[in-house]
Amino acid sequence: MDPSFFGSEAERELYCLLSEYMDPGDILYVEYIDDAESRAQLYRGVPPEESRLGRALTACGFRIYRDWYFPEGGLEGGPKLQAVKAGGPWPTTR
């Protein structure tokens, strides 16, 4: 992905548009491997909701639930934040 997307108005508009069409409690997974700033923050131990990506998602009506990565031999995809559309049930499994 083009690095200029991260932190741009287009990124903000995308997350807010997705939020508009999601019901409370719906889950959105956002990979951040190409987002150098968020990746560096999360790898350093910054809480997910305080990372650049976490703040962007929170501003569009999401709550950050968890930072995920499951190594499964190359088929798992990249690390991702799990965001829950505010106003619904909080996931119960961790």
Protein backbone atom coordinates (compact mmCIF):
# COMPACT_ATOMS: atom_id res chain seq x y z
CA MET A 1 0.00 0.00 0.00
CA ASP A 2 1.10 3.55 -0.69
CA PRO A 3 2.64 4.90 2.56
CA SER A 4 1.03 8.29 1.96
CA PHE A 5 -2.37 6.68 2.72
CA PHE A 6 -1.56 6.29 6.42
CA GLY A 7 -2.52 9.39 8.35
CA SER A 8 -4.27 10.89 5.33
CA GLU A 9 -7.76 12.29 4.99
CA ALA A 10 -8.58 9.32 2.72
CA GLU A 11 -7.72 6.88 5.51
CA ARG A 12 -9.90 8.77 7.98
CA GLU A 13 -12.79 8.92 5.51
CA LEU A 14 -12.51 5.18 4.82
CA TYR A 15 -12.69 4.17 8.50
CA CYS A 16 -15.55 6.59 9.16
CA LEU A 17 -17.46 5.36 6.09
CA LEU A 18 -17.06 1.75 7.22
CA SER A 19 -18.25 2.74 10.68
CA GLU A 20 -21.40 4.33 9.24
CA TYR A 21 -22.42 1.04 7.63
CA MET A 22 -21.57 -1.19 10.58
CA ASP A 23 -23.88 -2.07 13.43
CA PRO A 24 -22.87 -1.59 17.06
CA GLY A 25 -20.77 -4.55 18.16
CA ASP A 26 -19.55 -5.37 14.62
CA ILE A 27 -15.85 -6.11 14.35
CA LEU A 28 -13.31 -4.63 11.94
CA TYR A 29 -9.79 -6.03 11.56
CA VAL A 30 -7.19 -3.60 10.19
CA GLU A 31 -3.74 -4.85 9.18
CA TYR A 32 -0.94 -2.42 9.95
CA ILE A 33 2.19 -4.09 8.54
CA ASP A 34 2.56 -1.34 5.88
CA ASP A 35 1.81 1.46 8.37
CA ALA A 36 5.36 2.17 9.59
CA GLU A 37 4.34 4.55 12.40
CA SER A 38 1.66 2.31 13.91
CA ARG A 39 3.80 -0.80 13.48
CA ALA A 40 6.74 0.82 15.28
CA GLN A 41 4.51 2.09 18.09
CA LEU A 42 2.82 -1.27 18.63
CA TYR A 43 6.09 -3.21 18.46
CA ARG A 44 7.49 -0.85 21.14
CA GLY A 45 4.55 -1.67 23.41
CA VAL A 46 2.38 1.42 22.97
CA PRO A 47 -1.17 0.42 23.96
CA PRO A 48 -3.17 -0.24 20.76
CA GLU A 49 -5.75 2.47 21.47
CA GLU A 50 -2.92 5.04 21.83
CA SER A 51 -1.22 4.14 18.53
CA ARG A 52 -1.74 6.29 15.46
CA LEU A 53 -4.04 3.66 13.93
CA GLY A 54 -5.92 3.16 17.19
CA ARG A 55 -6.59 6.89 17.52
CA ALA A 56 -7.80 7.03 13.89
CA LEU A 57 -10.24 4.17 14.47
CA THR A 58 -11.42 5.59 17.79
CA ALA A 59 -12.17 8.94 16.13
CA CYS A 60 -14.54 7.09 13.75
CA GLY A 61 -16.57 5.37 16.47
CA PHE A 62 -14.58 2.21 17.17
CA ARG A 63 -13.18 0.84 20.39
CA ILE A 64 -9.89 -0.99 20.11
CA TYR A 65 -10.15 -4.48 21.48
CA ARG A 66 -6.87 -6.16 20.72
CA ASP A 67 -3.66 -6.34 18.73
CA TRP A 68 -3.60 -9.72 16.92
CA TYR A 69 -1.00 -11.84 15.22
CA PHE A 70 -1.17 -15.59 14.82
CA PRO A 71 1.83 -17.13 13.07
CA GLU A 72 0.47 -20.06 11.07
CA GLY A 73 3.12 -20.88 8.51
CA GLY A 74 2.59 -17.86 6.28
CA LEU A 75 -1.19 -18.11 5.80
CA GLU A 76 -2.24 -15.90 8.71
CA GLY A 77 -1.90 -12.49 7.13
CA GLY A 78 -0.18 -9.62 8.89
CA PRO A 79 -0.59 -8.23 12.38
CA LYS A 80 -3.85 -6.40 12.84
CA LEU A 81 -5.90 -4.38 15.27
CA GLN A 82 -9.35 -5.63 16.13
CA ALA A 83 -11.76 -2.71 16.45
CA VAL A 84 -15.35 -3.02 17.68
CA LYS A 85 -18.04 -0.57 16.57
CA ALA A 86 -19.02 1.28 19.73
CA GLY A 87 -22.44 0.87 21.26
CA GLY A 88 -22.68 -2.90 21.06
CA PRO A 89 -21.58 -5.89 23.06
CA TRP A 90 -17.91 -6.16 23.93
CA PRO A 91 -16.27 -9.40 22.69
CA THR A 92 -16.04 -11.94 25.49
CA THR A 93 -13.21 -14.15 24.25
CA ARG A 94 -9.57 -13.15 24.56
